[in-house]
Amino acid sequence: MLTRSRGVLALILALVVLSAAGPAAAEKQTVVIYTAIENEQITEYKKAYEKALPNLDVKMLRLSTGDIAARFMAEKDNMQADLIWGVGATNMLQFKNAGLLEPYAPKGLERVQPLFRDKANPPSWVGLDIYMSAFCYNTETGKQHKLPKPESWADLTKPVYKGHVVMPNPASSGTGYLSVVSILQRMGEAEGWKYLDALDKNIAEYTKSGSKPCKDAAAGERAVGVSFEYVAHEMIKKGSPVAMVLPKEGSGYEIEANGLTRKGAKNAAARQFLDWAITDESLKIASQFFAAVSVAGFPTPEGLPKDISKVVFPNDFDWSAKNRDRILAEWQKRYAK
């Protein structure tokens, strides 16, 4: 009887072990993601996607937008990324035109506002959120150097700001390219380059990342940092003596977008992540940082404009994408130091 009981117990234990080794212990599906999303935001997203997508083993490479674009384009014959997440729509259009993306309609696409998606059906990219050009002005450093708060792009060319302005390099930073291309679109190329020539005389440094100019201003290293509104908003929330300026001529704007790569077309896990990326759970996180996200109905963070149409200058994404290489070559020729 004792022997029989031991046998039953052994069988039960074996079944328990087999059960534990079932779906929960199944081999995870690997997905390689290239992203330009800020590290602070990735931390919040990571908690959510690991809970929602426990079957995925996410391998993520985070670089600035320009560096992500250069790397992805260079790898076109030996792709590593399964999907692109949170990279500018301008770059996504470049990738699309180069044949590097696989059209995919994620679940819930019908909720996405038209501005936030590729015009084709199925789309090659779908947006997450909008970010806008903004200046970070350190009120203490400005007072120390007797510098008034700049209210416009035109103000930044005034002699008083010489050596006090830092701006991202458009070759490595999507924010930097946004600043340059929005000026060229708004003013026209002839006048736009004249303006950038004048601005260059006041620039102390061109940084690799789009967030660094604002962080430098917040730290008092510079009086003015040309950056984007998310970083300015974050620095203010942390108590830095920074004022956020949306230039009165209008802020340029860019859409952070996602897309399936040619390599990822064969990876069901990549499609699963892209489905999740436009769920309420994901967009609720995005809405904590940005004034507008791809699905309507999310609240705007306090301190950011509730109607961005009143503060932005329209961006012709197709023109920005088609002319990006030419514009960057001209910028490098004029201002690379």
C-alpha atoms as a PDB file:
ATOM      1  CA  MET A   1       0.000   0.000   0.000  1.00  0.00           C
ATOM      2  CA  LEU A   2       2.847   2.330   0.898  1.00  0.00           C
ATOM      3  CA  THR A   3       4.574   1.521  -2.380  1.00  0.00           C
ATOM      4  CA  ARG A   4       1.375   2.268  -4.310  1.00  0.00           C
ATOM      5  CA  SER A   5       0.973   5.623  -2.499  1.00  0.00           C
ATOM      6  CA  ARG A   6       4.529   6.546  -3.351  1.00  0.00           C
ATOM      7  CA  GLY A   7       3.851   5.693  -6.983  1.00  0.00           C
ATOM      8  CA  VAL A   8       0.753   7.899  -7.077  1.00  0.00           C
ATOM      9  CA  LEU A   9       2.690  10.742  -5.428  1.00  0.00           C
ATOM     10  CA  ALA A  10       5.485  10.414  -7.979  1.00  0.00           C
ATOM     11  CA  LEU A  11       2.953  10.539 -10.815  1.00  0.00           C
ATOM     12  CA  ILE A  12       1.324  13.673  -9.377  1.00  0.00           C
ATOM     13  CA  LEU A  13       4.711  15.375  -9.000  1.00  0.00           C
ATOM     14  CA  ALA A  14       5.610  14.476 -12.568  1.00  0.00           C
ATOM     15  CA  LEU A  15       2.361  15.977 -13.837  1.00  0.00           C
ATOM     16  CA  VAL A  16       2.998  19.152 -11.841  1.00  0.00           C
ATOM     17  CA  VAL A  17       6.479  19.462 -13.366  1.00  0.00           C
ATOM     18  CA  LEU A  18       5.126  18.883 -16.874  1.00  0.00           C
ATOM     19  CA  SER A  19       2.396  21.460 -16.287  1.00  0.00           C
ATOM     20  CA  ALA A  20       4.940  24.041 -15.124  1.00  0.00           C
ATOM     21  CA  ALA A  21       7.020  23.349 -18.193  1.00  0.00           C
ATOM     22  CA  GLY A  22       4.039  24.058 -20.459  1.00  0.00           C
ATOM     23  CA  PRO A  23       3.113  27.455 -21.942  1.00  0.00           C
ATOM     24  CA  ALA A  24       4.618  29.493 -19.091  1.00  0.00           C
ATOM     25  CA  ALA A  25       8.025  27.935 -19.641  1.00  0.00           C
ATOM     26  CA  ALA A  26       7.770  27.826 -23.416  1.00  0.00           C
ATOM     27  CA  GLU A  27      10.663  29.291 -25.339  1.00  0.00           C
ATOM     28  CA  LYS A  28      10.243  33.037 -25.773  1.00  0.00           C
ATOM     29  CA  GLN A  29      10.104  34.606 -29.229  1.00  0.00           C
ATOM     30  CA  THR A  30      12.935  37.050 -29.871  1.00  0.00           C
ATOM     31  CA  VAL A  31      12.210  40.427 -31.436  1.00  0.00           C
ATOM     32  CA  VAL A  32      14.942  42.961 -32.258  1.00  0.00           C
ATOM     33  CA  ILE A  33      13.813  46.586 -31.975  1.00  0.00           C
ATOM     34  CA  TYR A  34      15.582  49.775 -33.054  1.00  0.00           C
ATOM     35  CA  THR A  35      14.294  52.881 -31.270  1.00  0.00           C
ATOM     36  CA  ALA A  36      15.024  56.556 -30.680  1.00  0.00           C
ATOM     37  CA  ILE A  37      12.597  56.882 -27.764  1.00  0.00           C
ATOM     38  CA  GLU A  38      14.151  58.600 -24.750  1.00  0.00           C
ATOM     39  CA  ASN A  39      15.567  56.243 -22.116  1.00  0.00           C
ATOM     40  CA  GLU A  40      13.328  57.655 -19.382  1.00  0.00           C
ATOM     41  CA  GLN A  41      10.273  56.784 -21.463  1.00  0.00           C
ATOM     42  CA  ILE A  42      11.560  53.326 -22.400  1.00  0.00           C
ATOM     43  CA  THR A  43      11.712  52.495 -18.690  1.00  0.00           C
ATOM     44  CA  GLU A  44       7.954  53.095 -18.401  1.00  0.00           C
ATOM     45  CA  TYR A  45       7.118  51.277 -21.631  1.00  0.00           C
ATOM     46  CA  LYS A  46       9.261  48.293 -20.616  1.00  0.00           C
ATOM     47  CA  LYS A  47       7.224  47.633 -17.479  1.00  0.00           C
ATOM     48  CA  ALA A  48       4.049  47.607 -19.574  1.00  0.00           C
ATOM     49  CA  TYR A  49       5.145  45.507 -22.536  1.00  0.00           C
ATOM     50  CA  GLU A  50       6.864  42.896 -20.374  1.00  0.00           C
ATOM     51  CA  LYS A  51       3.575  42.414 -18.539  1.00  0.00           C
ATOM     52  CA  ALA A  52       1.401  42.476 -21.675  1.00  0.00           C
ATOM     53  CA  LEU A  53       3.750  40.419 -23.868  1.00  0.00           C
ATOM     54  CA  PRO A  54       5.405  37.854 -21.567  1.00  0.00           C
ATOM     55  CA  ASN A  55       6.140  35.553 -24.516  1.00  0.00           C
ATOM     56  CA  LEU A  56       8.505  38.074 -26.123  1.00  0.00           C
ATOM     57  CA  ASP A  57      12.236  38.365 -25.572  1.00  0.00           C
ATOM     58  CA  VAL A  58      12.829  41.989 -26.556  1.00  0.00           C
ATOM     59  CA  LYS A  59      16.314  42.947 -27.721  1.00  0.00           C
ATOM     60  CA  MET A  60      16.435  46.724 -28.013  1.00  0.00           C
ATOM     61  CA  LEU A  61      18.971  49.126 -29.486  1.00  0.00           C
ATOM     62  CA  ARG A  62      18.438  52.756 -28.505  1.00  0.00           C
ATOM     63  CA  LEU A  63      20.273  55.483 -30.431  1.00  0.00           C
ATOM     64  CA  SER A  64      19.502  59.026 -31.529  1.00  0.00           C
ATOM     65  CA  THR A  65      17.313  59.251 -34.617  1.00  0.00           C
ATOM     66  CA  GLY A  66      20.064  60.091 -37.093  1.00  0.00           C
ATOM     67  CA  ASP A  67      22.270  57.276 -35.834  1.00  0.00           C
ATOM     68  CA  ILE A  68      19.395  54.775 -35.971  1.00  0.00           C
ATOM     69  CA  ALA A  69      18.641  55.855 -39.542  1.00  0.00           C
ATOM     70  CA  ALA A  70      22.266  55.583 -40.642  1.00  0.00           C
ATOM     71  CA  ARG A  71      22.685  52.159 -39.062  1.00  0.00           C
ATOM     72  CA  PHE A  72      19.426  50.749 -40.427  1.00  0.00           C
ATOM     73  CA  MET A  73      20.145  52.001 -43.948  1.00  0.00           C
ATOM     74  CA  ALA A  74      23.679  50.584 -43.802  1.00  0.00           C
ATOM     75  CA  GLU A  75      22.295  47.176 -42.784  1.00  0.00           C
ATOM     76  CA  LYS A  76      19.820  46.994 -45.670  1.00  0.00           C
ATOM     77  CA  ASP A  77      21.480  43.880 -47.124  1.00  0.00           C
ATOM     78  CA  ASN A  78      21.913  42.227 -43.724  1.00  0.00           C
ATOM     79  CA  MET A  79      19.019  43.456 -41.585  1.00  0.00           C
ATOM     80  CA  GLN A  80      19.194  43.027 -37.837  1.00  0.00           C
ATOM     81  CA  ALA A  81      16.035  44.873 -36.730  1.00  0.00           C
ATOM     82  CA  ASP A  82      12.590  43.277 -36.854  1.00  0.00           C
ATOM     83  CA  LEU A  83      10.833  46.567 -36.276  1.00  0.00           C
ATOM     84  CA  ILE A  84      11.408  50.277 -35.815  1.00  0.00           C
ATOM     85  CA  TRP A  85       9.726  51.879 -32.803  1.00  0.00           C
ATOM     86  CA  GLY A  86       9.447  55.597 -32.056  1.00  0.00           C
ATOM     87  CA  VAL A  87      11.516  56.983 -34.941  1.00  0.00           C
ATOM     88  CA  GLY A  88      10.531  60.109 -36.888  1.00  0.00           C
ATOM     89  CA  ALA A  89       8.024  59.793 -39.716  1.00  0.00           C
ATOM     90  CA  THR A  90      10.514  61.610 -41.953  1.00  0.00           C
ATOM     91  CA  ASN A  91      12.964  58.739 -41.470  1.00  0.00           C
ATOM     92  CA  MET A  92      10.239  56.135 -41.833  1.00  0.00           C
ATOM     93  CA  LEU A  93       9.368  57.602 -45.232  1.00  0.00           C
ATOM     94  CA  GLN A  94      13.035  57.360 -46.197  1.00  0.00           C
ATOM     95  CA  PHE A  95      13.041  53.699 -45.185  1.00  0.00           C
ATOM     96  CA  LYS A  96       9.819  53.112 -47.096  1.00  0.00           C
ATOM     97  CA  ASN A  97      11.179  54.766 -50.245  1.00  0.00           C
ATOM     98  CA  ALA A  98      14.289  52.577 -49.976  1.00  0.00           C
ATOM     99  CA  GLY A  99      12.138  49.437 -49.793  1.00  0.00           C
ATOM    100  CA  LEU A 100      13.235  48.549 -46.258  1.00  0.00           C
ATOM    101  CA  LEU A 101       9.792  48.368 -44.625  1.00  0.00           C
ATOM    102  CA  GLU A 102       7.035  45.776 -44.914  1.00  0.00           C
ATOM    103  CA  PRO A 103       3.519  47.274 -44.990  1.00  0.00           C
ATOM    104  CA  TYR A 104       1.498  46.144 -41.978  1.00  0.00           C
ATOM    105  CA  ALA A 105      -1.854  47.198 -40.523  1.00  0.00           C
ATOM    106  CA  PRO A 106      -1.656  46.677 -36.744  1.00  0.00           C
ATOM    107  CA  LYS A 107      -4.762  45.735 -34.812  1.00  0.00           C
ATOM    108  CA  GLY A 108      -6.691  48.866 -33.861  1.00  0.00           C
ATOM    109  CA  LEU A 109      -5.438  50.860 -36.857  1.00  0.00           C
ATOM    110  CA  GLU A 110      -8.951  52.197 -37.474  1.00  0.00           C
ATOM    111  CA  ARG A 111      -8.635  54.253 -34.244  1.00  0.00           C
ATOM    112  CA  VAL A 112      -5.506  56.061 -35.434  1.00  0.00           C
ATOM    113  CA  GLN A 113      -6.011  59.648 -36.627  1.00  0.00           C
ATOM    114  CA  PRO A 114      -5.127  60.164 -40.334  1.00  0.00           C
ATOM    115  CA  LEU A 115      -2.211  62.507 -39.601  1.00  0.00           C
ATOM    116  CA  PHE A 116      -0.506  59.732 -37.638  1.00  0.00           C
ATOM    117  CA  ARG A 117      -0.195  57.089 -40.350  1.00  0.00           C
ATOM    118  CA  ASP A 118       1.245  56.395 -43.753  1.00  0.00           C
ATOM    119  CA  LYS A 119      -1.252  57.221 -46.508  1.00  0.00           C
ATOM    120  CA  ALA A 120      -0.889  53.780 -48.124  1.00  0.00           C
ATOM    121  CA  ASN A 121      -3.065  50.786 -47.261  1.00  0.00           C
ATOM    122  CA  PRO A 122      -1.722  48.816 -45.505  1.00  0.00           C
ATOM    123  CA  PRO A 123       0.573  51.487 -44.040  1.00  0.00           C
ATOM    124  CA  SER A 124       4.351  51.207 -43.864  1.00  0.00           C
ATOM    125  CA  TRP A 125       4.394  53.253 -40.655  1.00  0.00           C
ATOM    126  CA  VAL A 126       1.969  54.185 -37.879  1.00  0.00           C
ATOM    127  CA  GLY A 127       2.529  57.004 -35.392  1.00  0.00           C
ATOM    128  CA  LEU A 128       2.702  57.102 -31.614  1.00  0.00           C
ATOM    129  CA  ASP A 129       2.872  60.794 -30.746  1.00  0.00           C
ATOM    130  CA  ILE A 130       3.947  64.259 -31.853  1.00  0.00           C
ATOM    131  CA  TYR A 131       6.902  66.208 -30.518  1.00  0.00           C
ATOM    132  CA  MET A 132       7.619  69.888 -31.218  1.00  0.00           C
ATOM    133  CA  SER A 133      10.635  72.171 -31.473  1.00  0.00           C
ATOM    134  CA  ALA A 134      11.135  74.216 -28.326  1.00  0.00           C
ATOM    135  CA  PHE A 135      13.789  76.368 -26.679  1.00  0.00           C
ATOM    136  CA  CYS A 136      14.938  75.829 -23.109  1.00  0.00           C
ATOM    137  CA  TYR A 137      15.888  79.130 -21.500  1.00  0.00           C
ATOM    138  CA  ASN A 138      17.686  79.100 -18.166  1.00  0.00           C
ATOM    139  CA  THR A 139      16.269  82.057 -16.272  1.00  0.00           C
ATOM    140  CA  GLU A 140      19.190  82.254 -13.829  1.00  0.00           C
ATOM    141  CA  THR A 141      21.924  82.002 -16.463  1.00  0.00           C
ATOM    142  CA  GLY A 142      20.017  84.442 -18.648  1.00  0.00           C
ATOM    143  CA  LYS A 143      19.835  86.954 -15.815  1.00  0.00           C
ATOM    144  CA  GLN A 144      23.519  86.462 -15.035  1.00  0.00           C
ATOM    145  CA  HIS A 145      24.495  87.284 -18.625  1.00  0.00           C
ATOM    146  CA  LYS A 146      21.750  89.908 -19.101  1.00  0.00           C
ATOM    147  CA  LEU A 147      20.048  87.858 -21.795  1.00  0.00           C
ATOM    148  CA  PRO A 148      16.318  88.335 -22.345  1.00  0.00           C
ATOM    149  CA  LYS A 149      14.157  85.267 -22.856  1.00  0.00           C
ATOM    150  CA  PRO A 150      14.031  84.569 -26.604  1.00  0.00           C
ATOM    151  CA  GLU A 151      10.497  84.405 -27.974  1.00  0.00           C
ATOM    152  CA  SER A 152      11.234  83.543 -31.594  1.00  0.00           C
ATOM    153  CA  TRP A 153      13.696  81.966 -34.002  1.00  0.00           C
ATOM    154  CA  ALA A 154      14.546  85.501 -35.131  1.00  0.00           C
ATOM    155  CA  ASP A 155      15.605  86.422 -31.585  1.00  0.00           C
ATOM    156  CA  LEU A 156      18.277  83.712 -31.551  1.00  0.00           C
ATOM    157  CA  THR A 157      20.283  85.518 -34.256  1.00  0.00           C
ATOM    158  CA  LYS A 158      20.650  88.693 -32.177  1.00  0.00           C
ATOM    159  CA  PRO A 159      24.283  89.466 -31.209  1.00  0.00           C
ATOM    160  CA  VAL A 160      23.462  89.326 -27.497  1.00  0.00           C
ATOM    161  CA  TYR A 161      23.087  85.517 -27.719  1.00  0.00           C
ATOM    162  CA  LYS A 162      26.482  84.871 -29.325  1.00  0.00           C
ATOM    163  CA  GLY A 163      28.084  81.863 -27.607  1.00  0.00           C
ATOM    164  CA  HIS A 164      25.051  81.233 -25.415  1.00  0.00           C
ATOM    165  CA  VAL A 165      23.018  78.928 -27.694  1.00  0.00           C
ATOM    166  CA  VAL A 166      23.439  75.184 -28.157  1.00  0.00           C
ATOM    167  CA  MET A 167      21.607  73.178 -30.822  1.00  0.00           C
ATOM    168  CA  PRO A 168      21.494  69.520 -31.981  1.00  0.00           C
ATOM    169  CA  ASN A 169      23.426  68.393 -35.040  1.00  0.00           C
ATOM    170  CA  PRO A 170      20.784  67.479 -37.659  1.00  0.00           C
ATOM    171  CA  ALA A 171      22.928  64.653 -39.017  1.00  0.00           C
ATOM    172  CA  SER A 172      22.728  62.699 -35.757  1.00  0.00           C
ATOM    173  CA  SER A 173      19.578  64.122 -34.174  1.00  0.00           C
ATOM    174  CA  GLY A 174      16.016  63.966 -35.441  1.00  0.00           C
ATOM    175  CA  THR A 175      15.266  67.027 -33.327  1.00  0.00           C
ATOM    176  CA  GLY A 176      18.137  68.854 -35.001  1.00  0.00           C
ATOM    177  CA  TYR A 177      16.893  67.929 -38.463  1.00  0.00           C
ATOM    178  CA  LEU A 178      13.371  68.978 -37.499  1.00  0.00           C
ATOM    179  CA  SER A 179      14.646  72.432 -36.503  1.00  0.00           C
ATOM    180  CA  VAL A 180      16.549  72.887 -39.765  1.00  0.00           C
ATOM    181  CA  VAL A 181      13.914  71.517 -42.130  1.00  0.00           C
ATOM    182  CA  SER A 182      11.066  73.456 -40.502  1.00  0.00           C
ATOM    183  CA  ILE A 183      13.044  76.682 -40.974  1.00  0.00           C
ATOM    184  CA  LEU A 184      13.680  75.851 -44.649  1.00  0.00           C
ATOM    185  CA  GLN A 185      10.034  74.971 -45.234  1.00  0.00           C
ATOM    186  CA  ARG A 186       8.717  78.058 -43.475  1.00  0.00           C
ATOM    187  CA  MET A 187      11.130  80.596 -44.980  1.00  0.00           C
ATOM    188  CA  GLY A 188      11.960  78.960 -48.295  1.00  0.00           C
ATOM    189  CA  GLU A 189      15.433  77.572 -48.945  1.00  0.00           C
ATOM    190  CA  ALA A 190      17.169  80.791 -50.019  1.00  0.00           C
ATOM    191  CA  GLU A 191      16.053  82.790 -46.975  1.00  0.00           C
ATOM    192  CA  GLY A 192      16.223  79.734 -44.730  1.00  0.00           C
ATOM    193  CA  TRP A 193      19.908  79.153 -45.379  1.00  0.00           C
ATOM    194  CA  LYS A 194      20.596  82.866 -44.844  1.00  0.00           C
ATOM    195  CA  TYR A 195      18.865  82.576 -41.480  1.00  0.00           C
ATOM    196  CA  LEU A 196      20.855  79.458 -40.551  1.00  0.00           C
ATOM    197  CA  ASP A 197      24.086  81.279 -41.515  1.00  0.00           C
ATOM    198  CA  ALA A 198      23.166  84.028 -39.050  1.00  0.00           C
ATOM    199  CA  LEU A 199      22.151  81.525 -36.368  1.00  0.00           C
ATOM    200  CA  ASP A 200      25.411  79.604 -36.738  1.00  0.00           C
ATOM    201  CA  LYS A 201      27.357  82.683 -35.629  1.00  0.00           C
ATOM    202  CA  ASN A 202      25.678  82.440 -32.216  1.00  0.00           C
ATOM    203  CA  ILE A 203      25.925  78.667 -31.735  1.00  0.00           C
ATOM    204  CA  ALA A 204      28.400  77.581 -29.073  1.00  0.00           C
ATOM    205  CA  GLU A 205      28.056  73.858 -29.848  1.00  0.00           C
ATOM    206  CA  TYR A 206      26.148  71.397 -32.024  1.00  0.00           C
ATOM    207  CA  THR A 207      25.331  68.346 -29.899  1.00  0.00           C
ATOM    208  CA  LYS A 208      24.868  64.731 -30.927  1.00  0.00           C
ATOM    209  CA  SER A 209      21.477  64.279 -29.253  1.00  0.00           C
ATOM    210  CA  GLY A 210      18.299  66.335 -29.356  1.00  0.00           C
ATOM    211  CA  SER A 211      17.764  66.333 -25.600  1.00  0.00           C
ATOM    212  CA  LYS A 212      21.267  67.470 -24.592  1.00  0.00           C
ATOM    213  CA  PRO A 213      20.834  71.179 -25.450  1.00  0.00           C
ATOM    214  CA  CYS A 214      17.922  71.446 -23.036  1.00  0.00           C
ATOM    215  CA  LYS A 215      19.723  69.441 -20.373  1.00  0.00           C
ATOM    216  CA  ASP A 216      22.769  71.703 -20.773  1.00  0.00           C
ATOM    217  CA  ALA A 217      20.549  74.755 -20.361  1.00  0.00           C
ATOM    218  CA  ALA A 218      18.881  73.223 -17.308  1.00  0.00           C
ATOM    219  CA  ALA A 219      22.309  72.627 -15.773  1.00  0.00           C
ATOM    220  CA  GLY A 220      23.301  76.249 -16.400  1.00  0.00           C
ATOM    221  CA  GLU A 221      26.012  75.319 -18.884  1.00  0.00           C
ATOM    222  CA  ARG A 222      24.282  77.404 -21.569  1.00  0.00           C
ATOM    223  CA  ALA A 223      21.539  79.985 -21.470  1.00  0.00           C
ATOM    224  CA  VAL A 224      19.513  78.639 -24.399  1.00  0.00           C
ATOM    225  CA  GLY A 225      19.130  75.107 -25.735  1.00  0.00           C
ATOM    226  CA  VAL A 226      17.268  74.380 -28.973  1.00  0.00           C
ATOM    227  CA  SER A 227      15.518  71.094 -28.247  1.00  0.00           C
ATOM    228  CA  PHE A 228      11.958  69.760 -28.036  1.00  0.00           C
ATOM    229  CA  GLU A 229       9.066  70.264 -25.676  1.00  0.00           C
ATOM    230  CA  TYR A 230       9.202  66.900 -23.886  1.00  0.00           C
ATOM    231  CA  VAL A 231      12.668  67.581 -22.460  1.00  0.00           C
ATOM    232  CA  ALA A 232      11.796  71.153 -21.515  1.00  0.00           C
ATOM    233  CA  HIS A 233       8.670  69.948 -19.740  1.00  0.00           C
ATOM    234  CA  GLU A 234      10.625  67.272 -17.867  1.00  0.00           C
ATOM    235  CA  MET A 235      13.334  69.720 -16.765  1.00  0.00           C
ATOM    236  CA  ILE A 236      10.677  72.093 -15.437  1.00  0.00           C
ATOM    237  CA  LYS A 237       8.966  69.259 -13.530  1.00  0.00           C
ATOM    238  CA  LYS A 238      12.312  68.396 -11.936  1.00  0.00           C
ATOM    239  CA  GLY A 239      12.632  71.944 -10.638  1.00  0.00           C
ATOM    240  CA  SER A 240      15.279  73.276 -13.020  1.00  0.00           C
ATOM    241  CA  PRO A 241      15.219  77.063 -13.564  1.00  0.00           C
ATOM    242  CA  VAL A 242      14.060  76.597 -17.158  1.00  0.00           C
ATOM    243  CA  ALA A 243      11.358  78.303 -19.188  1.00  0.00           C
ATOM    244  CA  MET A 244       9.981  76.496 -22.234  1.00  0.00           C
ATOM    245  CA  VAL A 245       9.650  78.638 -25.353  1.00  0.00           C
ATOM    246  CA  LEU A 246       7.549  77.602 -28.346  1.00  0.00           C
ATOM    247  CA  PRO A 247       8.827  80.064 -30.992  1.00  0.00           C
ATOM    248  CA  LYS A 248       6.185  82.539 -32.110  1.00  0.00           C
ATOM    249  CA  GLU A 249       6.812  81.820 -35.825  1.00  0.00           C
ATOM    250  CA  GLY A 250       5.589  78.302 -35.086  1.00  0.00           C
ATOM    251  CA  SER A 251       7.227  75.131 -33.810  1.00  0.00           C
ATOM    252  CA  GLY A 252       8.235  72.444 -36.229  1.00  0.00           C
ATOM    253  CA  TYR A 253       6.762  69.068 -35.354  1.00  0.00           C
ATOM    254  CA  GLU A 254       7.621  65.431 -35.981  1.00  0.00           C
ATOM    255  CA  ILE A 255       5.713  62.193 -35.464  1.00  0.00           C
ATOM    256  CA  GLU A 256       7.354  59.333 -33.584  1.00  0.00           C
ATOM    257  CA  ALA A 257       6.367  56.275 -35.590  1.00  0.00           C
ATOM    258  CA  ASN A 258       6.623  52.489 -35.778  1.00  0.00           C
ATOM    259  CA  GLY A 259       7.057  50.108 -38.678  1.00  0.00           C
ATOM    260  CA  LEU A 260       7.748  46.496 -39.607  1.00  0.00           C
ATOM    261  CA  THR A 261      11.051  45.839 -41.365  1.00  0.00           C
ATOM    262  CA  ARG A 262      11.567  43.514 -44.304  1.00  0.00           C
ATOM    263  CA  LYS A 263      13.275  41.078 -41.926  1.00  0.00           C
ATOM    264  CA  GLY A 264      10.478  41.396 -39.361  1.00  0.00           C
ATOM    265  CA  ALA A 265       7.857  40.388 -41.918  1.00  0.00           C
ATOM    266  CA  LYS A 266       8.707  36.774 -41.070  1.00  0.00           C
ATOM    267  CA  ASN A 267       8.490  37.339 -37.303  1.00  0.00           C
ATOM    268  CA  ALA A 268       5.048  37.040 -35.670  1.00  0.00           C
ATOM    269  CA  ALA A 269       6.501  38.533 -32.480  1.00  0.00           C
ATOM    270  CA  ALA A 270       7.278  41.772 -34.323  1.00  0.00           C
ATOM    271  CA  ARG A 271       3.673  42.108 -35.457  1.00  0.00           C
ATOM    272  CA  GLN A 272       2.518  41.351 -31.910  1.00  0.00           C
ATOM    273  CA  PHE A 273       4.644  44.204 -30.542  1.00  0.00           C
ATOM    274  CA  LEU A 274       3.381  46.623 -33.199  1.00  0.00           C
ATOM    275  CA  ASP A 275      -0.203  45.680 -32.297  1.00  0.00           C
ATOM    276  CA  TRP A 276       0.542  46.453 -28.655  1.00  0.00           C
ATOM    277  CA  ALA A 277       2.274  49.754 -29.506  1.00  0.00           C
ATOM    278  CA  ILE A 278      -1.022  51.448 -30.431  1.00  0.00           C
ATOM    279  CA  THR A 279      -3.148  50.007 -27.624  1.00  0.00           C
ATOM    280  CA  ASP A 280      -4.598  52.261 -24.936  1.00  0.00           C
ATOM    281  CA  GLU A 281      -2.041  50.832 -22.521  1.00  0.00           C
ATOM    282  CA  SER A 282       0.873  51.995 -24.665  1.00  0.00           C
ATOM    283  CA  LEU A 283      -0.635  55.331 -25.688  1.00  0.00           C
ATOM    284  CA  LYS A 284      -1.520  56.147 -22.089  1.00  0.00           C
ATOM    285  CA  ILE A 285       2.223  56.117 -21.400  1.00  0.00           C
ATOM    286  CA  ALA A 286       2.960  58.291 -24.453  1.00  0.00           C
ATOM    287  CA  SER A 287       0.266  60.754 -23.380  1.00  0.00           C
ATOM    288  CA  GLN A 288       2.112  61.357 -20.111  1.00  0.00           C
ATOM    289  CA  PHE A 289       4.977  62.903 -22.072  1.00  0.00           C
ATOM    290  CA  PHE A 290       3.502  64.525 -25.194  1.00  0.00           C
ATOM    291  CA  ALA A 291       0.735  66.968 -26.079  1.00  0.00           C
ATOM    292  CA  ALA A 292      -0.824  64.708 -28.723  1.00  0.00           C
ATOM    293  CA  VAL A 293      -0.892  60.960 -29.398  1.00  0.00           C
ATOM    294  CA  SER A 294      -2.159  58.998 -32.378  1.00  0.00           C
ATOM    295  CA  VAL A 295      -5.555  58.073 -30.902  1.00  0.00           C
ATOM    296  CA  ALA A 296      -7.865  60.870 -29.741  1.00  0.00           C
ATOM    297  CA  GLY A 297      -9.232  61.148 -26.218  1.00  0.00           C
ATOM    298  CA  PHE A 298      -6.122  61.126 -24.036  1.00  0.00           C
ATOM    299  CA  PRO A 299      -5.532  64.047 -21.637  1.00  0.00           C
ATOM    300  CA  THR A 300      -2.767  66.577 -22.314  1.00  0.00           C
ATOM    301  CA  PRO A 301      -0.047  66.862 -19.641  1.00  0.00           C
ATOM    302  CA  GLU A 302      -0.283  70.021 -17.575  1.00  0.00           C
ATOM    303  CA  GLY A 303       2.021  72.695 -18.948  1.00  0.00           C
ATOM    304  CA  LEU A 304       1.767  71.609 -22.599  1.00  0.00           C
ATOM    305  CA  PRO A 305      -0.536  73.199 -25.204  1.00  0.00           C
ATOM    306  CA  LYS A 306      -3.942  71.568 -25.415  1.00  0.00           C
ATOM    307  CA  ASP A 307      -4.419  72.561 -29.063  1.00  0.00           C
ATOM    308  CA  ILE A 308      -1.126  72.068 -30.876  1.00  0.00           C
ATOM    309  CA  SER A 309      -2.583  73.355 -34.160  1.00  0.00           C
ATOM    310  CA  LYS A 310      -2.208  76.858 -32.694  1.00  0.00           C
ATOM    311  CA  VAL A 311       1.537  76.522 -32.051  1.00  0.00           C
ATOM    312  CA  VAL A 312       2.985  74.296 -34.793  1.00  0.00           C
ATOM    313  CA  PHE A 313       4.130  75.018 -38.323  1.00  0.00           C
ATOM    314  CA  PRO A 314       2.962  72.312 -40.772  1.00  0.00           C
ATOM    315  CA  ASN A 315       5.586  69.747 -41.754  1.00  0.00           C
ATOM    316  CA  ASP A 316       5.667  68.368 -45.293  1.00  0.00           C
ATOM    317  CA  PHE A 317       6.990  64.924 -44.345  1.00  0.00           C
ATOM    318  CA  ASP A 318       7.355  63.769 -47.950  1.00  0.00           C
ATOM    319  CA  TRP A 319       9.513  66.789 -48.801  1.00  0.00           C
ATOM    320  CA  SER A 320      11.528  66.379 -45.605  1.00  0.00           C
ATOM    321  CA  ALA A 321      12.245  62.737 -46.413  1.00  0.00           C
ATOM    322  CA  LYS A 322      13.070  63.201 -50.106  1.00  0.00           C
ATOM    323  CA  ASN A 323      15.429  66.113 -49.436  1.00  0.00           C
ATOM    324  CA  ARG A 324      17.022  64.901 -46.205  1.00  0.00           C
ATOM    325  CA  ASP A 325      20.337  63.717 -47.660  1.00  0.00           C
ATOM    326  CA  ARG A 326      20.728  66.874 -49.746  1.00  0.00           C
ATOM    327  CA  ILE A 327      19.888  69.171 -46.824  1.00  0.00           C
ATOM    328  CA  LEU A 328      22.264  67.380 -44.467  1.00  0.00           C
ATOM    329  CA  ALA A 329      25.082  67.525 -47.020  1.00  0.00           C
ATOM    330  CA  GLU A 330      24.562  71.277 -47.393  1.00  0.00           C
ATOM    331  CA  TRP A 331      24.385  71.746 -43.615  1.00  0.00           C
ATOM    332  CA  GLN A 332      27.622  69.789 -43.102  1.00  0.00           C
ATOM    333  CA  LYS A 333      29.374  71.830 -45.788  1.00  0.00           C
ATOM    334  CA  ARG A 334      28.350  75.086 -44.130  1.00  0.00           C
ATOM    335  CA  TYR A 335      28.499  74.405 -40.407  1.00  0.00           C
ATOM    336  CA  ALA A 336      30.361  71.192 -39.512  1.00  0.00           C
ATOM    337  CA  LYS A 337      33.039  72.123 -37.003  1.00  0.00           C
END
